[in-house]
Amino acid sequence: MLFLKKLLYITVNSKPEHLSSSKTVGRALVKKIMERYPEITLEELDLYKEHIPRLEYQYFESRNCLVNKEAFNQLPEKEQKEVHKIVELCDQFIEADIYVIASPMWSLSFPAPLKEYIDCIVQSNKTISFPDNDKKPEGLLKDKPRTVIYVQSSGGNIPWMMRPILNKGLDYVEDIVKFMGISNFERLLVDGTGTTEQERMDAIHGAMEKIDGIIEKIKVEEPMLV
């Protein structure tokens, strides 16, 4: 029996790929993963081109829980489409096994579309749950081996001692991924893209040299023999 695996490649930059350091390295990483695991199917999600709904109170019946069917049917058609889109984005994320997120560092964080996307996929009874009415949530995405690889580009070389202060966006993404139950999180940093094209290319090449080591850390479910 062959388990078909999915790689979800999420990009968060309005620049075309050849001008974006994170997307350039992200694409090289995705290609190598596909070479290593040829049975994988690839889905791509460009958060600057895809419509990501902005969450409104009327879409929810409780914390992180979308409206029930009866309440959904009472929403205007436009708002029903927004709820459908939220469910679609969340289901797409759940179905994947490997995730590559390519984003620049902006203002010690990441571009706003990524936060809006995260808000869509953190959903009660889909990616998290509140068992036995306990206030402490439980991540539901520990049902199978999953790996998230976060590719982040930044203009400067960040000393490791300063990363807890300056890498707030990266740390947040890791925290939210683990909150949903995905324990295997890897970071591929494209630091020091600088102000010249030569500095940028040097940073890209330096990050690409780490790709093989990152791929070795990917966790996938092995096919069952029948």
C-alpha atoms as a PDB file:
ATOM      1  CA  MET A   1       0.000   0.000   0.000  1.00  0.00           C
ATOM      2  CA  LEU A   2       1.448   3.389  -1.031  1.00  0.00           C
ATOM      3  CA  PHE A   3       0.799   6.443   1.095  1.00  0.00           C
ATOM      4  CA  LEU A   4       0.601   9.507  -1.132  1.00  0.00           C
ATOM      5  CA  LYS A   5       2.168  12.423   0.691  1.00  0.00           C
ATOM      6  CA  LYS A   6       1.581  16.116   0.154  1.00  0.00           C
ATOM      7  CA  LEU A   7       4.003  19.004   0.301  1.00  0.00           C
ATOM      8  CA  LEU A   8       2.377  22.380   0.859  1.00  0.00           C
ATOM      9  CA  TYR A   9       4.606  25.237  -0.283  1.00  0.00           C
ATOM     10  CA  ILE A  10       3.468  28.566   1.190  1.00  0.00           C
ATOM     11  CA  THR A  11       5.068  31.808   0.002  1.00  0.00           C
ATOM     12  CA  VAL A  12       4.683  35.208   1.640  1.00  0.00           C
ATOM     13  CA  ASN A  13       6.279  37.823  -0.609  1.00  0.00           C
ATOM     14  CA  SER A  14       4.848  40.032  -3.347  1.00  0.00           C
ATOM     15  CA  LYS A  15       8.159  39.976  -5.262  1.00  0.00           C
ATOM     16  CA  PRO A  16       8.598  37.575  -8.190  1.00  0.00           C
ATOM     17  CA  GLU A  17      10.639  34.523  -7.294  1.00  0.00           C
ATOM     18  CA  HIS A  18      13.890  35.653  -8.925  1.00  0.00           C
ATOM     19  CA  LEU A  19      13.877  38.850  -6.844  1.00  0.00           C
ATOM     20  CA  SER A  20      12.903  37.204  -3.551  1.00  0.00           C
ATOM     21  CA  SER A  21      15.677  35.564  -1.539  1.00  0.00           C
ATOM     22  CA  SER A  22      13.278  33.503   0.585  1.00  0.00           C
ATOM     23  CA  LYS A  23      11.327  32.277  -2.455  1.00  0.00           C
ATOM     24  CA  THR A  24      14.516  31.464  -4.372  1.00  0.00           C
ATOM     25  CA  VAL A  25      15.811  29.290  -1.530  1.00  0.00           C
ATOM     26  CA  GLY A  26      12.331  27.913  -0.875  1.00  0.00           C
ATOM     27  CA  ARG A  27      12.011  26.774  -4.490  1.00  0.00           C
ATOM     28  CA  ALA A  28      15.406  25.063  -4.394  1.00  0.00           C
ATOM     29  CA  LEU A  29      14.378  23.293  -1.185  1.00  0.00           C
ATOM     30  CA  VAL A  30      11.047  22.160  -2.647  1.00  0.00           C
ATOM     31  CA  LYS A  31      12.750  20.796  -5.775  1.00  0.00           C
ATOM     32  CA  LYS A  32      15.204  18.761  -3.722  1.00  0.00           C
ATOM     33  CA  ILE A  33      12.438  17.386  -1.505  1.00  0.00           C
ATOM     34  CA  MET A  34      10.533  16.300  -4.610  1.00  0.00           C
ATOM     35  CA  GLU A  35      13.656  14.586  -5.936  1.00  0.00           C
ATOM     36  CA  ARG A  36      14.148  12.783  -2.619  1.00  0.00           C
ATOM     37  CA  TYR A  37      10.482  11.773  -2.317  1.00  0.00           C
ATOM     38  CA  PRO A  38       9.160  11.422  -5.900  1.00  0.00           C
ATOM     39  CA  GLU A  39       5.813  10.057  -4.685  1.00  0.00           C
ATOM     40  CA  ILE A  40       4.968  13.409  -3.083  1.00  0.00           C
ATOM     41  CA  THR A  41       2.360  15.696  -4.619  1.00  0.00           C
ATOM     42  CA  LEU A  42       3.014  19.434  -4.509  1.00  0.00           C
ATOM     43  CA  GLU A  43       0.495  22.151  -3.713  1.00  0.00           C
ATOM     44  CA  GLU A  44       1.472  25.811  -3.752  1.00  0.00           C
ATOM     45  CA  LEU A  45      -0.163  28.671  -1.892  1.00  0.00           C
ATOM     46  CA  ASP A  46       0.907  32.257  -2.587  1.00  0.00           C
ATOM     47  CA  LEU A  47      -0.535  34.344   0.238  1.00  0.00           C
ATOM     48  CA  TYR A  48      -0.185  37.499  -1.844  1.00  0.00           C
ATOM     49  CA  LYS A  49      -2.289  36.062  -4.673  1.00  0.00           C
ATOM     50  CA  GLU A  50      -4.702  33.802  -2.798  1.00  0.00           C
ATOM     51  CA  HIS A  51      -7.667  35.401  -1.056  1.00  0.00           C
ATOM     52  CA  ILE A  52      -7.224  34.991   2.690  1.00  0.00           C
ATOM     53  CA  PRO A  53     -10.393  35.949   4.591  1.00  0.00           C
ATOM     54  CA  ARG A  54     -10.193  38.424   7.406  1.00  0.00           C
ATOM     55  CA  LEU A  55     -11.957  36.810  10.336  1.00  0.00           C
ATOM     56  CA  GLU A  56     -15.224  38.410  11.447  1.00  0.00           C
ATOM     57  CA  TYR A  57     -17.084  37.680  14.671  1.00  0.00           C
ATOM     58  CA  GLN A  58     -20.187  36.411  12.838  1.00  0.00           C
ATOM     59  CA  TYR A  59     -18.186  33.518  11.361  1.00  0.00           C
ATOM     60  CA  PHE A  60     -17.736  31.942  14.794  1.00  0.00           C
ATOM     61  CA  GLU A  61     -19.971  30.441  17.440  1.00  0.00           C
ATOM     62  CA  SER A  62     -17.205  30.238  20.052  1.00  0.00           C
ATOM     63  CA  ARG A  63     -13.459  30.597  20.389  1.00  0.00           C
ATOM     64  CA  ASN A  64     -11.746  29.254  17.246  1.00  0.00           C
ATOM     65  CA  CYS A  65     -14.952  27.387  16.340  1.00  0.00           C
ATOM     66  CA  LEU A  66     -16.797  28.257  13.133  1.00  0.00           C
ATOM     67  CA  VAL A  67     -20.548  28.669  13.058  1.00  0.00           C
ATOM     68  CA  ASN A  68     -22.801  25.624  12.922  1.00  0.00           C
ATOM     69  CA  LYS A  69     -24.816  24.752   9.839  1.00  0.00           C
ATOM     70  CA  GLU A  70     -27.955  26.577  10.939  1.00  0.00           C
ATOM     71  CA  ALA A  71     -26.106  29.807  11.687  1.00  0.00           C
ATOM     72  CA  PHE A  72     -24.081  29.425   8.489  1.00  0.00           C
ATOM     73  CA  ASN A  73     -27.260  29.255   6.398  1.00  0.00           C
ATOM     74  CA  GLN A  74     -28.392  32.568   7.880  1.00  0.00           C
ATOM     75  CA  LEU A  75     -25.265  34.389   6.745  1.00  0.00           C
ATOM     76  CA  PRO A  76     -25.338  36.455   3.543  1.00  0.00           C
ATOM     77  CA  GLU A  77     -23.947  34.647   0.501  1.00  0.00           C
ATOM     78  CA  LYS A  78     -20.725  36.672   0.529  1.00  0.00           C
ATOM     79  CA  GLU A  79     -20.023  35.718   4.139  1.00  0.00           C
ATOM     80  CA  GLN A  80     -20.846  32.066   3.460  1.00  0.00           C
ATOM     81  CA  LYS A  81     -18.144  32.107   0.783  1.00  0.00           C
ATOM     82  CA  GLU A  82     -15.698  33.521   3.314  1.00  0.00           C
ATOM     83  CA  VAL A  83     -16.454  30.717   5.776  1.00  0.00           C
ATOM     84  CA  HIS A  84     -16.100  28.155   2.970  1.00  0.00           C
ATOM     85  CA  LYS A  85     -12.690  29.623   2.151  1.00  0.00           C
ATOM     86  CA  ILE A  86     -11.551  29.401   5.781  1.00  0.00           C
ATOM     87  CA  VAL A  87     -12.569  25.725   5.893  1.00  0.00           C
ATOM     88  CA  GLU A  88     -10.838  25.078   2.559  1.00  0.00           C
ATOM     89  CA  LEU A  89      -7.557  26.624   3.736  1.00  0.00           C
ATOM     90  CA  CYS A  90      -7.671  24.703   7.021  1.00  0.00           C
ATOM     91  CA  ASP A  91      -8.444  21.370   5.306  1.00  0.00           C
ATOM     92  CA  GLN A  92      -5.621  21.912   2.824  1.00  0.00           C
ATOM     93  CA  PHE A  93      -3.200  22.460   5.694  1.00  0.00           C
ATOM     94  CA  ILE A  94      -4.416  19.368   7.567  1.00  0.00           C
ATOM     95  CA  GLU A  95      -4.008  17.126   4.518  1.00  0.00           C
ATOM     96  CA  ALA A  96      -0.318  17.973   4.022  1.00  0.00           C
ATOM     97  CA  ASP A  97       2.641  16.055   5.444  1.00  0.00           C
ATOM     98  CA  ILE A  98       5.479  18.473   4.703  1.00  0.00           C
ATOM     99  CA  TYR A  99       5.222  22.256   4.802  1.00  0.00           C
ATOM    100  CA  VAL A 100       7.673  24.778   3.415  1.00  0.00           C
ATOM    101  CA  ILE A 101       6.955  28.396   4.345  1.00  0.00           C
ATOM    102  CA  ALA A 102       9.105  31.015   2.606  1.00  0.00           C
ATOM    103  CA  SER A 103       8.922  34.508   4.084  1.00  0.00           C
ATOM    104  CA  PRO A 104      11.093  37.577   4.582  1.00  0.00           C
ATOM    105  CA  MET A 105      11.639  39.089   8.004  1.00  0.00           C
ATOM    106  CA  TRP A 106       9.655  42.300   8.216  1.00  0.00           C
ATOM    107  CA  SER A 107       9.807  44.539  11.280  1.00  0.00           C
ATOM    108  CA  LEU A 108      11.160  41.675  13.424  1.00  0.00           C
ATOM    109  CA  SER A 109       8.234  39.549  12.238  1.00  0.00           C
ATOM    110  CA  PHE A 110       6.717  38.541   8.876  1.00  0.00           C
ATOM    111  CA  PRO A 111       4.278  40.046   6.332  1.00  0.00           C
ATOM    112  CA  ALA A 112       0.678  40.415   7.533  1.00  0.00           C
ATOM    113  CA  PRO A 113      -0.879  37.842   5.132  1.00  0.00           C
ATOM    114  CA  LEU A 114       0.881  35.043   7.021  1.00  0.00           C
ATOM    115  CA  LYS A 115      -0.787  36.035  10.300  1.00  0.00           C
ATOM    116  CA  GLU A 116      -4.186  36.182   8.586  1.00  0.00           C
ATOM    117  CA  TYR A 117      -3.551  32.713   7.157  1.00  0.00           C
ATOM    118  CA  ILE A 118      -2.523  31.315  10.550  1.00  0.00           C
ATOM    119  CA  ASP A 119      -5.733  32.681  12.049  1.00  0.00           C
ATOM    120  CA  CYS A 120      -7.671  30.710   9.421  1.00  0.00           C
ATOM    121  CA  ILE A 121      -5.991  27.364  10.118  1.00  0.00           C
ATOM    122  CA  VAL A 122      -6.060  27.417  13.931  1.00  0.00           C
ATOM    123  CA  GLN A 123      -9.551  25.964  14.262  1.00  0.00           C
ATOM    124  CA  SER A 124     -11.240  24.082  17.079  1.00  0.00           C
ATOM    125  CA  ASN A 125     -11.884  20.384  16.345  1.00  0.00           C
ATOM    126  CA  LYS A 126      -9.729  20.594  13.235  1.00  0.00           C
ATOM    127  CA  THR A 127      -6.193  21.585  14.257  1.00  0.00           C
ATOM    128  CA  ILE A 128      -6.763  22.097  17.992  1.00  0.00           C
ATOM    129  CA  SER A 129      -9.273  20.911  20.585  1.00  0.00           C
ATOM    130  CA  PHE A 130     -10.334  21.745  24.115  1.00  0.00           C
ATOM    131  CA  PRO A 131     -10.757  18.269  25.676  1.00  0.00           C
ATOM    132  CA  ASP A 132     -13.171  17.804  28.570  1.00  0.00           C
ATOM    133  CA  ASN A 133     -13.896  21.531  28.608  1.00  0.00           C
ATOM    134  CA  ASP A 134     -10.347  22.036  29.799  1.00  0.00           C
ATOM    135  CA  LYS A 135      -9.107  25.556  29.195  1.00  0.00           C
ATOM    136  CA  LYS A 136      -5.800  24.190  27.932  1.00  0.00           C
ATOM    137  CA  PRO A 137      -6.015  23.365  24.193  1.00  0.00           C
ATOM    138  CA  GLU A 138      -4.530  20.266  22.604  1.00  0.00           C
ATOM    139  CA  GLY A 139      -2.953  20.132  19.150  1.00  0.00           C
ATOM    140  CA  LEU A 140      -4.576  17.633  16.771  1.00  0.00           C
ATOM    141  CA  LEU A 141      -1.871  17.504  14.086  1.00  0.00           C
ATOM    142  CA  LYS A 142       0.202  14.849  15.854  1.00  0.00           C
ATOM    143  CA  ASP A 143      -1.804  12.133  14.081  1.00  0.00           C
ATOM    144  CA  LYS A 144       0.998  11.429  11.588  1.00  0.00           C
ATOM    145  CA  PRO A 145       4.612  12.480  10.962  1.00  0.00           C
ATOM    146  CA  ARG A 146       4.663  16.081   9.781  1.00  0.00           C
ATOM    147  CA  THR A 147       7.509  18.527   9.206  1.00  0.00           C
ATOM    148  CA  VAL A 148       7.423  22.310   8.858  1.00  0.00           C
ATOM    149  CA  ILE A 149      10.427  24.064   7.321  1.00  0.00           C
ATOM    150  CA  TYR A 150      10.470  27.840   7.698  1.00  0.00           C
ATOM    151  CA  VAL A 151      12.653  29.658   5.163  1.00  0.00           C
ATOM    152  CA  GLN A 152      13.319  33.203   6.331  1.00  0.00           C
ATOM    153  CA  SER A 153      15.393  35.872   4.615  1.00  0.00           C
ATOM    154  CA  SER A 154      16.768  38.914   6.413  1.00  0.00           C
ATOM    155  CA  GLY A 155      19.047  41.767   5.428  1.00  0.00           C
ATOM    156  CA  GLY A 156      21.508  41.423   8.288  1.00  0.00           C
ATOM    157  CA  ASN A 157      23.505  38.631   9.849  1.00  0.00           C
ATOM    158  CA  ILE A 158      21.772  38.057  13.167  1.00  0.00           C
ATOM    159  CA  PRO A 159      24.113  36.877  15.970  1.00  0.00           C
ATOM    160  CA  TRP A 160      22.723  33.778  17.653  1.00  0.00           C
ATOM    161  CA  MET A 161      22.632  35.581  21.007  1.00  0.00           C
ATOM    162  CA  MET A 162      20.312  38.229  19.519  1.00  0.00           C
ATOM    163  CA  ARG A 163      17.956  35.821  17.740  1.00  0.00           C
ATOM    164  CA  PRO A 164      15.508  35.479  20.663  1.00  0.00           C
ATOM    165  CA  ILE A 165      15.084  39.275  20.542  1.00  0.00           C
ATOM    166  CA  LEU A 166      15.152  39.879  16.796  1.00  0.00           C
ATOM    167  CA  ASN A 167      13.517  36.694  15.467  1.00  0.00           C
ATOM    168  CA  LYS A 168      10.114  37.186  17.033  1.00  0.00           C
ATOM    169  CA  GLY A 169       8.273  36.218  13.849  1.00  0.00           C
ATOM    170  CA  LEU A 170      10.194  32.998  13.364  1.00  0.00           C
ATOM    171  CA  ASP A 171       9.726  32.035  17.008  1.00  0.00           C
ATOM    172  CA  TYR A 172       6.005  32.748  16.768  1.00  0.00           C
ATOM    173  CA  VAL A 173       5.606  30.488  13.734  1.00  0.00           C
ATOM    174  CA  GLU A 174       7.464  27.685  15.521  1.00  0.00           C
ATOM    175  CA  ASP A 175       5.312  28.134  18.630  1.00  0.00           C
ATOM    176  CA  ILE A 176       2.023  28.094  16.701  1.00  0.00           C
ATOM    177  CA  VAL A 177       3.081  25.035  14.679  1.00  0.00           C
ATOM    178  CA  LYS A 178       3.893  23.133  17.863  1.00  0.00           C
ATOM    179  CA  PHE A 179       0.664  24.432  19.428  1.00  0.00           C
ATOM    180  CA  MET A 180      -1.194  22.572  16.645  1.00  0.00           C
ATOM    181  CA  GLY A 181       0.735  19.391  17.405  1.00  0.00           C
ATOM    182  CA  ILE A 182       3.553  19.422  14.833  1.00  0.00           C
ATOM    183  CA  SER A 183       6.748  18.799  16.774  1.00  0.00           C
ATOM    184  CA  ASN A 184       9.224  18.687  13.890  1.00  0.00           C
ATOM    185  CA  PHE A 185      10.079  22.280  12.988  1.00  0.00           C
ATOM    186  CA  GLU A 186      13.185  23.223  11.016  1.00  0.00           C
ATOM    187  CA  ARG A 187      14.471  26.667  10.148  1.00  0.00           C
ATOM    188  CA  LEU A 188      16.448  27.572   7.031  1.00  0.00           C
ATOM    189  CA  LEU A 189      17.775  31.103   7.419  1.00  0.00           C
ATOM    190  CA  VAL A 190      18.896  33.275   4.517  1.00  0.00           C
ATOM    191  CA  ASP A 191      20.686  35.846   6.654  1.00  0.00           C
ATOM    192  CA  GLY A 192      22.779  38.740   5.391  1.00  0.00           C
ATOM    193  CA  THR A 193      21.089  39.473   2.051  1.00  0.00           C
ATOM    194  CA  GLY A 194      22.552  42.965   2.516  1.00  0.00           C
ATOM    195  CA  THR A 195      22.187  45.859   0.103  1.00  0.00           C
ATOM    196  CA  THR A 196      23.988  44.589  -3.003  1.00  0.00           C
ATOM    197  CA  GLU A 197      23.154  41.802  -5.424  1.00  0.00           C
ATOM    198  CA  GLN A 198      26.429  40.074  -4.605  1.00  0.00           C
ATOM    199  CA  GLU A 199      25.602  40.045  -0.895  1.00  0.00           C
ATOM    200  CA  ARG A 200      22.168  38.658  -1.685  1.00  0.00           C
ATOM    201  CA  MET A 201      23.545  35.878  -3.890  1.00  0.00           C
ATOM    202  CA  ASP A 202      26.152  34.978  -1.273  1.00  0.00           C
ATOM    203  CA  ALA A 203      23.405  34.659   1.341  1.00  0.00           C
ATOM    204  CA  ILE A 204      21.296  32.532  -1.002  1.00  0.00           C
ATOM    205  CA  HIS A 205      24.177  30.193  -1.804  1.00  0.00           C
ATOM    206  CA  GLY A 206      25.046  29.888   1.883  1.00  0.00           C
ATOM    207  CA  ALA A 207      21.472  28.857   2.701  1.00  0.00           C
ATOM    208  CA  MET A 208      21.309  26.418  -0.207  1.00  0.00           C
ATOM    209  CA  GLU A 209      24.320  24.576   1.164  1.00  0.00           C
ATOM    210  CA  LYS A 210      22.207  23.688   4.203  1.00  0.00           C
ATOM    211  CA  ILE A 211      19.327  22.187   2.218  1.00  0.00           C
ATOM    212  CA  ASP A 212      20.565  18.581   2.177  1.00  0.00           C
ATOM    213  CA  GLY A 213      20.989  18.602   5.951  1.00  0.00           C
ATOM    214  CA  ILE A 214      17.470  19.996   6.409  1.00  0.00           C
ATOM    215  CA  ILE A 215      15.951  17.314   4.173  1.00  0.00           C
ATOM    216  CA  GLU A 216      17.579  14.604   6.290  1.00  0.00           C
ATOM    217  CA  LYS A 217      15.495  15.839   9.235  1.00  0.00           C
ATOM    218  CA  ILE A 218      12.155  15.505   7.475  1.00  0.00           C
ATOM    219  CA  LYS A 219       9.830  12.976   9.084  1.00  0.00           C
ATOM    220  CA  VAL A 220       7.547  11.027   6.772  1.00  0.00           C
ATOM    221  CA  GLU A 221       5.262   8.074   7.284  1.00  0.00           C
ATOM    222  CA  GLU A 222       6.736   4.923   5.831  1.00  0.00           C
ATOM    223  CA  PRO A 223       4.587   2.811   3.473  1.00  0.00           C
ATOM    224  CA  MET A 224       2.957  -0.239   5.055  1.00  0.00           C
ATOM    225  CA  LEU A 225       3.710  -3.644   3.621  1.00  0.00           C
ATOM    226  CA  VAL A 226       0.564  -5.604   2.770  1.00  0.00           C
END
